[in-house]
Amino acid sequence: MIKEQHINDYIRFRTAVEAVSNVTCVKRRHILGKRKFRRYADARQMAMLLIRQSTKLTFKGIGRLFDRDHSTVIHALKSIQAVMDISEEHRDKFNRILDEYDRLIKELQNTDFLDQ
């Protein structure tokens, strides 16, 4: 069961990054990379937020997936939440990301690749 959860979390991580990439047009390598351009950082932070909401991963676990420290993940989540609190554009973009993520997850479930 624990191993199956890790596999599901990893699949959800990959799907979240794909959803963010599809909506923001930021390449996967830039979402996972180290560059600090605002466009890349926003996409990376939205991916972290989506992963935090859709998995049971800890801050440390999310940090490992992005090759970052847990404190960086905490900072990223606070930062993107603050931006979304004041920016309707960012809220709308995150909602589009959620819709894309749901679509991709349903697609995986229809292929029996992902157990819920």
Protein backbone atom coordinates (compact mmCIF):
# COMPACT_ATOMS: atom_id res chain seq x y z
CA MET A 1 0.00 0.00 0.00
CA ILE A 2 2.74 2.48 0.93
CA LYS A 3 4.67 1.76 -2.27
CA GLU A 4 1.46 2.13 -4.31
CA GLN A 5 0.83 5.54 -2.67
CA HIS A 6 4.35 6.67 -3.61
CA ILE A 7 3.72 5.63 -7.21
CA ASN A 8 0.38 7.47 -7.26
CA ASP A 9 1.97 10.57 -5.73
CA TYR A 10 4.72 10.51 -8.36
CA ILE A 11 2.17 10.13 -11.15
CA ARG A 12 0.19 13.03 -9.68
CA PHE A 13 3.41 15.07 -9.49
CA ARG A 14 4.17 14.40 -13.17
CA THR A 15 0.56 15.16 -14.11
CA ALA A 16 0.59 18.42 -12.13
CA VAL A 17 3.77 19.58 -13.86
CA GLU A 18 2.25 18.65 -17.23
CA ALA A 19 -0.95 20.58 -16.43
CA VAL A 20 1.02 23.67 -15.38
CA SER A 21 3.16 23.41 -18.51
CA ASN A 22 0.12 23.05 -20.77
CA VAL A 23 -1.63 26.12 -19.32
CA THR A 24 1.36 28.43 -18.79
CA CYS A 25 3.37 27.34 -21.86
CA VAL A 26 6.42 27.02 -19.62
CA LYS A 27 8.44 23.94 -20.49
CA ARG A 28 8.68 21.14 -17.96
CA ARG A 29 12.45 21.57 -17.69
CA HIS A 30 11.96 25.21 -16.68
CA ILE A 31 9.31 24.34 -14.09
CA LEU A 32 11.71 21.84 -12.54
CA GLY A 33 14.82 23.94 -13.18
CA LYS A 34 16.69 26.48 -11.11
CA ARG A 35 16.19 29.65 -13.19
CA LYS A 36 14.42 32.45 -11.35
CA PHE A 37 12.65 34.26 -14.17
CA ARG A 38 9.27 35.42 -12.83
CA ARG A 39 7.41 33.38 -15.45
CA TYR A 40 9.25 30.19 -14.47
CA ALA A 41 9.01 30.86 -10.74
CA ASP A 42 5.24 31.47 -10.92
CA ALA A 43 4.73 28.23 -12.86
CA ARG A 44 6.97 26.32 -10.43
CA GLN A 45 5.12 27.73 -7.42
CA MET A 46 1.73 26.90 -8.93
CA ALA A 47 2.94 23.35 -9.56
CA MET A 48 4.06 23.07 -5.93
CA LEU A 49 0.68 24.37 -4.74
CA LEU A 50 -1.20 21.93 -6.95
CA ILE A 51 0.96 19.03 -5.74
CA ARG A 52 0.43 20.06 -2.13
CA GLN A 53 -3.35 20.11 -2.70
CA SER A 54 -3.57 16.87 -4.68
CA THR A 55 -1.20 14.56 -2.80
CA LYS A 56 -0.33 13.64 0.75
CA LEU A 57 3.29 14.64 0.20
CA THR A 58 5.04 16.64 2.90
CA PHE A 59 6.93 19.86 2.24
CA LYS A 60 10.11 17.79 2.36
CA GLY A 61 8.71 15.30 -0.16
CA ILE A 62 7.67 18.06 -2.55
CA GLY A 63 11.07 19.67 -2.12
CA ARG A 64 12.79 16.43 -3.12
CA LEU A 65 10.75 16.25 -6.33
CA PHE A 66 11.84 19.79 -7.25
CA ASP A 67 15.41 19.34 -5.91
CA ARG A 68 14.79 21.98 -3.27
CA ASP A 69 14.68 22.32 0.50
CA HIS A 70 11.38 22.06 2.40
CA SER A 71 11.70 25.70 3.48
CA THR A 72 11.81 26.74 -0.19
CA VAL A 73 8.52 24.89 -0.73
CA ILE A 74 6.93 26.62 2.25
CA HIS A 75 8.10 30.01 0.96
CA ALA A 76 6.87 29.21 -2.56
CA LEU A 77 3.40 28.25 -1.32
CA LYS A 78 3.09 31.40 0.79
CA SER A 79 4.34 33.55 -2.09
CA ILE A 80 2.00 32.19 -4.75
CA GLN A 81 -0.96 32.30 -2.37
CA ALA A 82 -0.23 35.96 -1.63
CA VAL A 83 -0.03 36.72 -5.36
CA MET A 84 -3.28 34.88 -6.05
CA ASP A 85 -4.99 36.78 -3.21
CA ILE A 86 -4.41 40.07 -5.04
CA SER A 87 -4.22 39.01 -8.70
CA GLU A 88 -7.33 37.83 -10.48
CA GLU A 89 -5.16 36.89 -13.47
CA HIS A 90 -3.14 34.46 -11.33
CA ARG A 91 -6.31 33.02 -9.73
CA ASP A 92 -7.83 32.46 -13.17
CA LYS A 93 -4.64 30.83 -14.42
CA PHE A 94 -4.54 28.51 -11.40
CA ASN A 95 -8.19 27.57 -11.96
CA ARG A 96 -7.36 26.72 -15.59
CA ILE A 97 -4.46 24.62 -14.29
CA LEU A 98 -6.84 22.79 -11.93
CA ASP A 99 -9.21 22.09 -14.83
CA GLU A 100 -6.35 20.78 -16.98
CA TYR A 101 -5.07 18.65 -14.10
CA ASP A 102 -8.53 17.14 -13.59
CA ARG A 103 -8.78 16.42 -17.31
CA LEU A 104 -5.39 14.68 -17.36
CA ILE A 105 -6.17 12.65 -14.23
CA LYS A 106 -9.50 11.50 -15.72
CA GLU A 107 -7.66 10.54 -18.88
CA LEU A 108 -5.26 8.41 -16.82
CA GLN A 109 -8.12 6.84 -14.89
CA ASN A 110 -9.88 5.91 -18.13
CA THR A 111 -6.80 3.96 -19.14
CA ASP A 112 -6.80 2.20 -15.72
CA PHE A 113 -3.29 3.51 -15.22
CA LEU A 114 -4.06 5.36 -12.03
CA ASP A 115 -6.05 4.00 -9.13
CA GLN A 116 -7.98 6.56 -7.15
